[in-house]
Amino acid sequence: MADGATFNSLYFRNDGANYENEAYFISNLRVAVSAPDTRSKLITEGKFVTSGILFDVNSDKIKPESYGVLKDIATVLKENGT
């Protein structure tokens, strides 16, 4: 594999006795980096910085895609009251 190579498809092949030359392709994949470990950051550092809390433009309304981050933070805070 060359440095800086970009892949956007996945290839599966069945080498079973019942199926000859059967292959499956999945394309247009996007692989994301995992989210930071909220629990250990909050417990060890006492803080957690995120840009994952989004608001509607010119509004105090939080966008639904932010709920996961907020839920993670709330869970850690509830479990570790100190």
PDB file of N, CA and C in Angstrom:
ATOM      1  N   MET A   1       0.849  -1.178   0.000  1.00  0.00           N
ATOM      2  CA  MET A   1       0.000   0.000   0.000  1.00  0.00           C
ATOM      3  C   MET A   1       0.891   1.237   0.000  1.00  0.00           C
ATOM      4  N   ALA A   2       0.613   2.158  -0.864  1.00  0.00           N
ATOM      5  CA  ALA A   2       1.392   3.386  -0.976  1.00  0.00           C
ATOM      6  C   ALA A   2       1.002   4.372   0.124  1.00  0.00           C
ATOM      7  N   ASP A   3       1.982   5.131   0.609  1.00  0.00           N
ATOM      8  CA  ASP A   3       1.687   6.160   1.597  1.00  0.00           C
ATOM      9  C   ASP A   3       0.705   7.158   1.021  1.00  0.00           C
ATOM     10  N   GLY A   4      -0.270   7.568   1.839  1.00  0.00           N
ATOM     11  CA  GLY A   4      -1.254   8.538   1.392  1.00  0.00           C
ATOM     12  C   GLY A   4      -2.346   7.956   0.506  1.00  0.00           C
ATOM     13  N   ALA A   5      -2.386   6.616   0.383  1.00  0.00           N
ATOM     14  CA  ALA A   5      -3.410   5.986  -0.449  1.00  0.00           C
ATOM     15  C   ALA A   5      -4.781   6.183   0.173  1.00  0.00           C
ATOM     16  N   THR A   6      -5.778   6.378  -0.656  1.00  0.00           N
ATOM     17  CA  THR A   6      -7.144   6.555  -0.204  1.00  0.00           C
ATOM     18  C   THR A   6      -7.995   5.418  -0.745  1.00  0.00           C
ATOM     19  N   PHE A   7      -8.750   4.796   0.134  1.00  0.00           N
ATOM     20  CA  PHE A   7      -9.617   3.698  -0.266  1.00  0.00           C
ATOM     21  C   PHE A   7     -11.064   4.093  -0.006  1.00  0.00           C
ATOM     22  N   ASN A   8     -11.962   3.711  -0.926  1.00  0.00           N
ATOM     23  CA  ASN A   8     -13.363   4.031  -0.726  1.00  0.00           C
ATOM     24  C   ASN A   8     -14.279   2.870  -1.085  1.00  0.00           C
ATOM     25  N   SER A   9     -13.745   1.653  -1.099  1.00  0.00           N
ATOM     26  CA  SER A   9     -14.585   0.498  -1.386  1.00  0.00           C
ATOM     27  C   SER A   9     -14.076  -0.716  -0.610  1.00  0.00           C
ATOM     28  N   LEU A  10     -14.951  -1.695  -0.501  1.00  0.00           N
ATOM     29  CA  LEU A  10     -14.662  -2.905   0.235  1.00  0.00           C
ATOM     30  C   LEU A  10     -15.096  -4.079  -0.635  1.00  0.00           C
ATOM     31  N   TYR A  11     -14.312  -5.118  -0.672  1.00  0.00           N
ATOM     32  CA  TYR A  11     -14.578  -6.259  -1.548  1.00  0.00           C
ATOM     33  C   TYR A  11     -14.656  -7.516  -0.701  1.00  0.00           C
ATOM     34  N   PHE A  12     -15.757  -8.262  -0.832  1.00  0.00           N
ATOM     35  CA  PHE A  12     -15.930  -9.539  -0.146  1.00  0.00           C
ATOM     36  C   PHE A  12     -16.030 -10.628  -1.197  1.00  0.00           C
ATOM     37  N   ARG A  13     -15.416 -11.757  -0.917  1.00  0.00           N
ATOM     38  CA  ARG A  13     -15.491 -12.863  -1.854  1.00  0.00           C
ATOM     39  C   ARG A  13     -15.804 -14.137  -1.099  1.00  0.00           C
ATOM     40  N   ASN A  14     -16.679 -14.942  -1.657  1.00  0.00           N
ATOM     41  CA  ASN A  14     -17.050 -16.201  -1.037  1.00  0.00           C
ATOM     42  C   ASN A  14     -16.291 -17.321  -1.730  1.00  0.00           C
ATOM     43  N   ASP A  15     -15.407 -17.969  -1.006  1.00  0.00           N
ATOM     44  CA  ASP A  15     -14.657 -19.085  -1.571  1.00  0.00           C
ATOM     45  C   ASP A  15     -15.271 -20.421  -1.183  1.00  0.00           C
ATOM     46  N   GLY A  16     -16.547 -20.401  -0.800  1.00  0.00           N
ATOM     47  CA  GLY A  16     -17.231 -21.634  -0.406  1.00  0.00           C
ATOM     48  C   GLY A  16     -17.436 -22.572  -1.581  1.00  0.00           C
ATOM     49  N   ALA A  17     -17.706 -23.836  -1.287  1.00  0.00           N
ATOM     50  CA  ALA A  17     -17.847 -24.857  -2.327  1.00  0.00           C
ATOM     51  C   ALA A  17     -19.117 -24.680  -3.154  1.00  0.00           C
ATOM     52  N   ASN A  18     -20.134 -24.035  -2.615  1.00  0.00           N
ATOM     53  CA  ASN A  18     -21.418 -23.934  -3.316  1.00  0.00           C
ATOM     54  C   ASN A  18     -21.499 -22.745  -4.265  1.00  0.00           C
ATOM     55  N   TYR A  19     -20.644 -21.792  -4.123  1.00  0.00           N
ATOM     56  CA  TYR A  19     -20.744 -20.576  -4.927  1.00  0.00           C
ATOM     57  C   TYR A  19     -19.419 -20.319  -5.630  1.00  0.00           C
ATOM     58  N   GLU A  20     -19.460 -20.235  -6.929  1.00  0.00           N
ATOM     59  CA  GLU A  20     -18.245 -19.965  -7.677  1.00  0.00           C
ATOM     60  C   GLU A  20     -18.227 -18.509  -8.134  1.00  0.00           C
ATOM     61  N   ASN A  21     -17.115 -17.880  -7.948  1.00  0.00           N
ATOM     62  CA  ASN A  21     -16.894 -16.508  -8.409  1.00  0.00           C
ATOM     63  C   ASN A  21     -17.967 -15.530  -7.924  1.00  0.00           C
ATOM     64  N   GLU A  22     -18.469 -15.754  -6.752  1.00  0.00           N
ATOM     65  CA  GLU A  22     -19.448 -14.826  -6.204  1.00  0.00           C
ATOM     66  C   GLU A  22     -18.706 -13.777  -5.387  1.00  0.00           C
ATOM     67  N   ALA A  23     -18.969 -12.516  -5.687  1.00  0.00           N
ATOM     68  CA  ALA A  23     -18.283 -11.432  -4.994  1.00  0.00           C
ATOM     69  C   ALA A  23     -19.271 -10.322  -4.690  1.00  0.00           C
ATOM     70  N   TYR A  24     -18.973  -9.573  -3.659  1.00  0.00           N
ATOM     71  CA  TYR A  24     -19.816  -8.465  -3.240  1.00  0.00           C
ATOM     72  C   TYR A  24     -18.949  -7.213  -3.112  1.00  0.00           C
ATOM     73  N   PHE A  25     -19.452  -6.111  -3.574  1.00  0.00           N
ATOM     74  CA  PHE A  25     -18.746  -4.852  -3.489  1.00  0.00           C
ATOM     75  C   PHE A  25     -19.590  -3.863  -2.700  1.00  0.00           C
ATOM     76  N   ILE A  26     -18.945  -3.135  -1.831  1.00  0.00           N
ATOM     77  CA  ILE A  26     -19.578  -2.029  -1.113  1.00  0.00           C
ATOM     78  C   ILE A  26     -18.717  -0.821  -1.418  1.00  0.00           C
ATOM     79  N   SER A  27     -19.343   0.242  -1.905  1.00  0.00           N
ATOM     80  CA  SER A  27     -18.554   1.417  -2.264  1.00  0.00           C
ATOM     81  C   SER A  27     -19.097   2.660  -1.590  1.00  0.00           C
ATOM     82  N   ASN A  28     -18.405   3.757  -1.805  1.00  0.00           N
ATOM     83  CA  ASN A  28     -18.747   5.045  -1.196  1.00  0.00           C
ATOM     84  C   ASN A  28     -18.770   4.959   0.322  1.00  0.00           C
ATOM     85  N   LEU A  29     -17.746   4.333   0.870  1.00  0.00           N
ATOM     86  CA  LEU A  29     -17.624   4.198   2.313  1.00  0.00           C
ATOM     87  C   LEU A  29     -16.948   5.422   2.902  1.00  0.00           C
ATOM     88  N   ARG A  30     -17.313   5.724   4.116  1.00  0.00           N
ATOM     89  CA  ARG A  30     -16.633   6.780   4.850  1.00  0.00           C
ATOM     90  C   ARG A  30     -16.320   6.237   6.235  1.00  0.00           C
ATOM     91  N   VAL A  31     -15.073   6.211   6.586  1.00  0.00           N
ATOM     92  CA  VAL A  31     -14.644   5.696   7.876  1.00  0.00           C
ATOM     93  C   VAL A  31     -14.277   6.889   8.745  1.00  0.00           C
ATOM     94  N   ALA A  32     -14.850   6.924   9.920  1.00  0.00           N
ATOM     95  CA  ALA A  32     -14.629   8.054  10.812  1.00  0.00           C
ATOM     96  C   ALA A  32     -13.715   7.652  11.964  1.00  0.00           C
ATOM     97  N   VAL A  33     -13.014   8.598  12.485  1.00  0.00           N
ATOM     98  CA  VAL A  33     -12.194   8.389  13.670  1.00  0.00           C
ATOM     99  C   VAL A  33     -13.136   8.281  14.854  1.00  0.00           C
ATOM    100  N   SER A  34     -12.820   7.391  15.761  1.00  0.00           N
ATOM    101  CA  SER A  34     -13.703   7.208  16.911  1.00  0.00           C
ATOM    102  C   SER A  34     -13.754   8.459  17.780  1.00  0.00           C
ATOM    103  N   ALA A  35     -14.837   8.576  18.504  1.00  0.00           N
ATOM    104  CA  ALA A  35     -15.021   9.729  19.390  1.00  0.00           C
ATOM    105  C   ALA A  35     -14.037   9.653  20.541  1.00  0.00           C
ATOM    106  N   PRO A  36     -13.662  10.790  21.109  1.00  0.00           N
ATOM    107  CA  PRO A  36     -12.754  10.764  22.253  1.00  0.00           C
ATOM    108  C   PRO A  36     -13.412  10.077  23.442  1.00  0.00           C
ATOM    109  N   ASP A  37     -12.603   9.516  24.315  1.00  0.00           N
ATOM    110  CA  ASP A  37     -13.106   8.830  25.493  1.00  0.00           C
ATOM    111  C   ASP A  37     -13.542   9.863  26.529  1.00  0.00           C
ATOM    112  N   THR A  38     -14.808  10.207  26.498  1.00  0.00           N
ATOM    113  CA  THR A  38     -15.367  11.240  27.373  1.00  0.00           C
ATOM    114  C   THR A  38     -15.126  10.917  28.839  1.00  0.00           C
ATOM    115  N   ARG A  39     -15.382   9.680  29.214  1.00  0.00           N
ATOM    116  CA  ARG A  39     -15.275   9.272  30.623  1.00  0.00           C
ATOM    117  C   ARG A  39     -13.873   9.521  31.182  1.00  0.00           C
ATOM    118  N   SER A  40     -12.848   9.014  30.513  1.00  0.00           N
ATOM    119  CA  SER A  40     -11.498   9.160  31.067  1.00  0.00           C
ATOM    120  C   SER A  40     -11.037  10.613  31.045  1.00  0.00           C
ATOM    121  N   LYS A  41     -11.428  11.359  30.008  1.00  0.00           N
ATOM    122  CA  LYS A  41     -11.051  12.785  29.953  1.00  0.00           C
ATOM    123  C   LYS A  41     -11.641  13.542  31.135  1.00  0.00           C
ATOM    124  N   LEU A  42     -12.923  13.336  31.397  1.00  0.00           N
ATOM    125  CA  LEU A  42     -13.577  14.058  32.491  1.00  0.00           C
ATOM    126  C   LEU A  42     -13.026  13.643  33.847  1.00  0.00           C
ATOM    127  N   ILE A  43     -12.774  12.359  34.026  1.00  0.00           N
ATOM    128  CA  ILE A  43     -12.309  11.874  35.325  1.00  0.00           C
ATOM    129  C   ILE A  43     -10.853  12.255  35.568  1.00  0.00           C
ATOM    130  N   THR A  44      -9.980  12.051  34.585  1.00  0.00           N
ATOM    131  CA  THR A  44      -8.559  12.312  34.812  1.00  0.00           C
ATOM    132  C   THR A  44      -8.190  13.785  34.721  1.00  0.00           C
ATOM    133  N   GLU A  45      -8.795  14.507  33.776  1.00  0.00           N
ATOM    134  CA  GLU A  45      -8.432  15.906  33.584  1.00  0.00           C
ATOM    135  C   GLU A  45      -9.408  16.880  34.225  1.00  0.00           C
ATOM    136  N   GLY A  46     -10.604  16.398  34.548  1.00  0.00           N
ATOM    137  CA  GLY A  46     -11.601  17.278  35.143  1.00  0.00           C
ATOM    138  C   GLY A  46     -12.263  18.205  34.147  1.00  0.00           C
ATOM    139  N   LYS A  47     -12.018  17.963  32.862  1.00  0.00           N
ATOM    140  CA  LYS A  47     -12.642  18.791  31.829  1.00  0.00           C
ATOM    141  C   LYS A  47     -12.744  17.994  30.548  1.00  0.00           C
ATOM    142  N   PHE A  48     -13.597  18.475  29.678  1.00  0.00           N
ATOM    143  CA  PHE A  48     -13.778  17.842  28.377  1.00  0.00           C
ATOM    144  C   PHE A  48     -14.121  18.931  27.379  1.00  0.00           C
ATOM    145  N   VAL A  49     -13.369  19.022  26.310  1.00  0.00           N
ATOM    146  CA  VAL A  49     -13.586  20.044  25.291  1.00  0.00           C
ATOM    147  C   VAL A  49     -14.121  19.358  24.045  1.00  0.00           C
ATOM    148  N   THR A  50     -15.180  19.918  23.467  1.00  0.00           N
ATOM    149  CA  THR A  50     -15.766  19.337  22.269  1.00  0.00           C
ATOM    150  C   THR A  50     -16.259  20.427  21.332  1.00  0.00           C
ATOM    151  N   SER A  51     -16.270  20.104  20.082  1.00  0.00           N
ATOM    152  CA  SER A  51     -16.909  20.990  19.099  1.00  0.00           C
ATOM    153  C   SER A  51     -18.136  20.278  18.541  1.00  0.00           C
ATOM    154  N   GLY A  52     -18.588  19.234  19.264  1.00  0.00           N
ATOM    155  CA  GLY A  52     -19.701  18.417  18.810  1.00  0.00           C
ATOM    156  C   GLY A  52     -21.063  18.879  19.273  1.00  0.00           C
ATOM    157  N   ILE A  53     -21.148  20.025  19.931  1.00  0.00           N
ATOM    158  CA  ILE A  53     -22.438  20.552  20.355  1.00  0.00           C
ATOM    159  C   ILE A  53     -22.786  21.690  19.402  1.00  0.00           C
ATOM    160  N   LEU A  54     -23.797  21.436  18.582  1.00  0.00           N
ATOM    161  CA  LEU A  54     -24.153  22.365  17.522  1.00  0.00           C
ATOM    162  C   LEU A  54     -25.498  23.028  17.800  1.00  0.00           C
ATOM    163  N   PHE A  55     -25.623  24.281  17.386  1.00  0.00           N
ATOM    164  CA  PHE A  55     -26.850  25.045  17.580  1.00  0.00           C
ATOM    165  C   PHE A  55     -27.397  25.482  16.236  1.00  0.00           C
ATOM    166  N   ASP A  56     -28.717  25.678  16.183  1.00  0.00           N
ATOM    167  CA  ASP A  56     -29.317  26.300  15.013  1.00  0.00           C
ATOM    168  C   ASP A  56     -28.749  27.713  14.881  1.00  0.00           C
ATOM    169  N   VAL A  57     -28.674  28.218  13.673  1.00  0.00           N
ATOM    170  CA  VAL A  57     -28.131  29.555  13.425  1.00  0.00           C
ATOM    171  C   VAL A  57     -28.970  30.604  14.151  1.00  0.00           C
ATOM    172  N   ASN A  58     -28.274  31.510  14.859  1.00  0.00           N
ATOM    173  CA  ASN A  58     -28.921  32.600  15.597  1.00  0.00           C
ATOM    174  C   ASN A  58     -29.999  32.091  16.549  1.00  0.00           C
ATOM    175  N   SER A  59     -29.715  30.970  17.225  1.00  0.00           N
ATOM    176  CA  SER A  59     -30.709  30.364  18.097  1.00  0.00           C
ATOM    177  C   SER A  59     -30.032  29.711  19.296  1.00  0.00           C
ATOM    178  N   ASP A  60     -30.829  29.479  20.344  1.00  0.00           N
ATOM    179  CA  ASP A  60     -30.332  28.746  21.501  1.00  0.00           C
ATOM    180  C   ASP A  60     -30.734  27.270  21.423  1.00  0.00           C
ATOM    181  N   LYS A  61     -31.329  26.840  20.321  1.00  0.00           N
ATOM    182  CA  LYS A  61     -31.806  25.474  20.141  1.00  0.00           C
ATOM    183  C   LYS A  61     -30.648  24.571  19.700  1.00  0.00           C
ATOM    184  N   ILE A  62     -30.461  23.489  20.453  1.00  0.00           N
ATOM    185  CA  ILE A  62     -29.396  22.531  20.158  1.00  0.00           C
ATOM    186  C   ILE A  62     -29.873  21.591  19.053  1.00  0.00           C
ATOM    187  N   LYS A  63     -28.993  21.322  18.099  1.00  0.00           N
ATOM    188  CA  LYS A  63     -29.336  20.425  16.994  1.00  0.00           C
ATOM    189  C   LYS A  63     -29.346  18.972  17.473  1.00  0.00           C
ATOM    190  N   PRO A  64     -30.220  18.144  16.914  1.00  0.00           N
ATOM    191  CA  PRO A  64     -30.337  16.740  17.325  1.00  0.00           C
ATOM    192  C   PRO A  64     -29.033  15.950  17.225  1.00  0.00           C
ATOM    193  N   GLU A  65     -28.175  16.280  16.272  1.00  0.00           N
ATOM    194  CA  GLU A  65     -26.920  15.528  16.141  1.00  0.00           C
ATOM    195  C   GLU A  65     -25.972  15.754  17.318  1.00  0.00           C
ATOM    196  N   SER A  66     -26.304  16.688  18.203  1.00  0.00           N
ATOM    197  CA  SER A  66     -25.490  16.965  19.386  1.00  0.00           C
ATOM    198  C   SER A  66     -25.906  16.134  20.587  1.00  0.00           C
ATOM    199  N   TYR A  67     -27.048  15.475  20.510  1.00  0.00           N
ATOM    200  CA  TYR A  67     -27.591  14.770  21.667  1.00  0.00           C
ATOM    201  C   TYR A  67     -26.681  13.649  22.170  1.00  0.00           C
ATOM    202  N   GLY A  68     -25.988  12.958  21.272  1.00  0.00           N
ATOM    203  CA  GLY A  68     -25.089  11.874  21.684  1.00  0.00           C
ATOM    204  C   GLY A  68     -23.964  12.374  22.567  1.00  0.00           C
ATOM    205  N   VAL A  69     -23.334  13.470  22.189  1.00  0.00           N
ATOM    206  CA  VAL A  69     -22.241  14.054  22.971  1.00  0.00           C
ATOM    207  C   VAL A  69     -22.756  14.498  24.337  1.00  0.00           C
ATOM    208  N   LEU A  70     -23.894  15.169  24.346  1.00  0.00           N
ATOM    209  CA  LEU A  70     -24.467  15.640  25.607  1.00  0.00           C
ATOM    210  C   LEU A  70     -24.859  14.475  26.513  1.00  0.00           C
ATOM    211  N   LYS A  71     -25.385  13.413  25.931  1.00  0.00           N
ATOM    212  CA  LYS A  71     -25.763  12.241  26.721  1.00  0.00           C
ATOM    213  C   LYS A  71     -24.525  11.594  27.341  1.00  0.00           C
ATOM    214  N   ASP A  72     -23.451  11.473  26.580  1.00  0.00           N
ATOM    215  CA  ASP A  72     -22.204  10.904  27.107  1.00  0.00           C
ATOM    216  C   ASP A  72     -21.687  11.718  28.286  1.00  0.00           C
ATOM    217  N   ILE A  73     -21.669  13.025  28.140  1.00  0.00           N
ATOM    218  CA  ILE A  73     -21.181  13.892  29.214  1.00  0.00           C
ATOM    219  C   ILE A  73     -22.080  13.778  30.438  1.00  0.00           C
ATOM    220  N   ALA A  74     -23.389  13.798  30.231  1.00  0.00           N
ATOM    221  CA  ALA A  74     -24.334  13.695  31.353  1.00  0.00           C
ATOM    222  C   ALA A  74     -24.182  12.369  32.086  1.00  0.00           C
ATOM    223  N   THR A  75     -23.992  11.282  31.365  1.00  0.00           N
ATOM    224  CA  THR A  75     -23.832   9.960  31.991  1.00  0.00           C
ATOM    225  C   THR A  75     -22.603   9.931  32.879  1.00  0.00           C
ATOM    226  N   VAL A  76     -21.493  10.444  32.381  1.00  0.00           N
ATOM    227  CA  VAL A  76     -20.257  10.464  33.172  1.00  0.00           C
ATOM    228  C   VAL A  76     -20.429  11.323  34.416  1.00  0.00           C
ATOM    229  N   LEU A  77     -21.063  12.464  34.278  1.00  0.00           N
ATOM    230  CA  LEU A  77     -21.263  13.350  35.427  1.00  0.00           C
ATOM    231  C   LEU A  77     -22.186  12.714  36.462  1.00  0.00           C
ATOM    232  N   LYS A  78     -23.222  12.006  36.027  1.00  0.00           N
ATOM    233  CA  LYS A  78     -24.135  11.341  36.956  1.00  0.00           C
ATOM    234  C   LYS A  78     -23.440  10.204  37.701  1.00  0.00           C
ATOM    235  N   GLU A  79     -22.613   9.451  36.995  1.00  0.00           N
ATOM    236  CA  GLU A  79     -21.918   8.318  37.608  1.00  0.00           C
ATOM    237  C   GLU A  79     -20.782   8.745  38.518  1.00  0.00           C
ATOM    238  N   ASN A  80     -20.262   9.944  38.324  1.00  0.00           N
ATOM    239  CA  ASN A  80     -19.117  10.435  39.099  1.00  0.00           C
ATOM    240  C   ASN A  80     -19.464  11.809  39.655  1.00  0.00           C
ATOM    241  N   GLY A  81     -20.317  11.829  40.656  1.00  0.00           N
ATOM    242  CA  GLY A  81     -20.808  13.083  41.228  1.00  0.00           C
ATOM    243  C   GLY A  81     -19.738  13.984  41.807  1.00  0.00           C
ATOM    244  N   THR A  82     -18.600  13.413  42.170  1.00  0.00           N
ATOM    245  CA  THR A  82     -17.541  14.232  42.764  1.00  0.00           C
ATOM    246  C   THR A  82     -16.789  14.992  41.691  1.00  0.00           C
TER     247      THR A  82
END
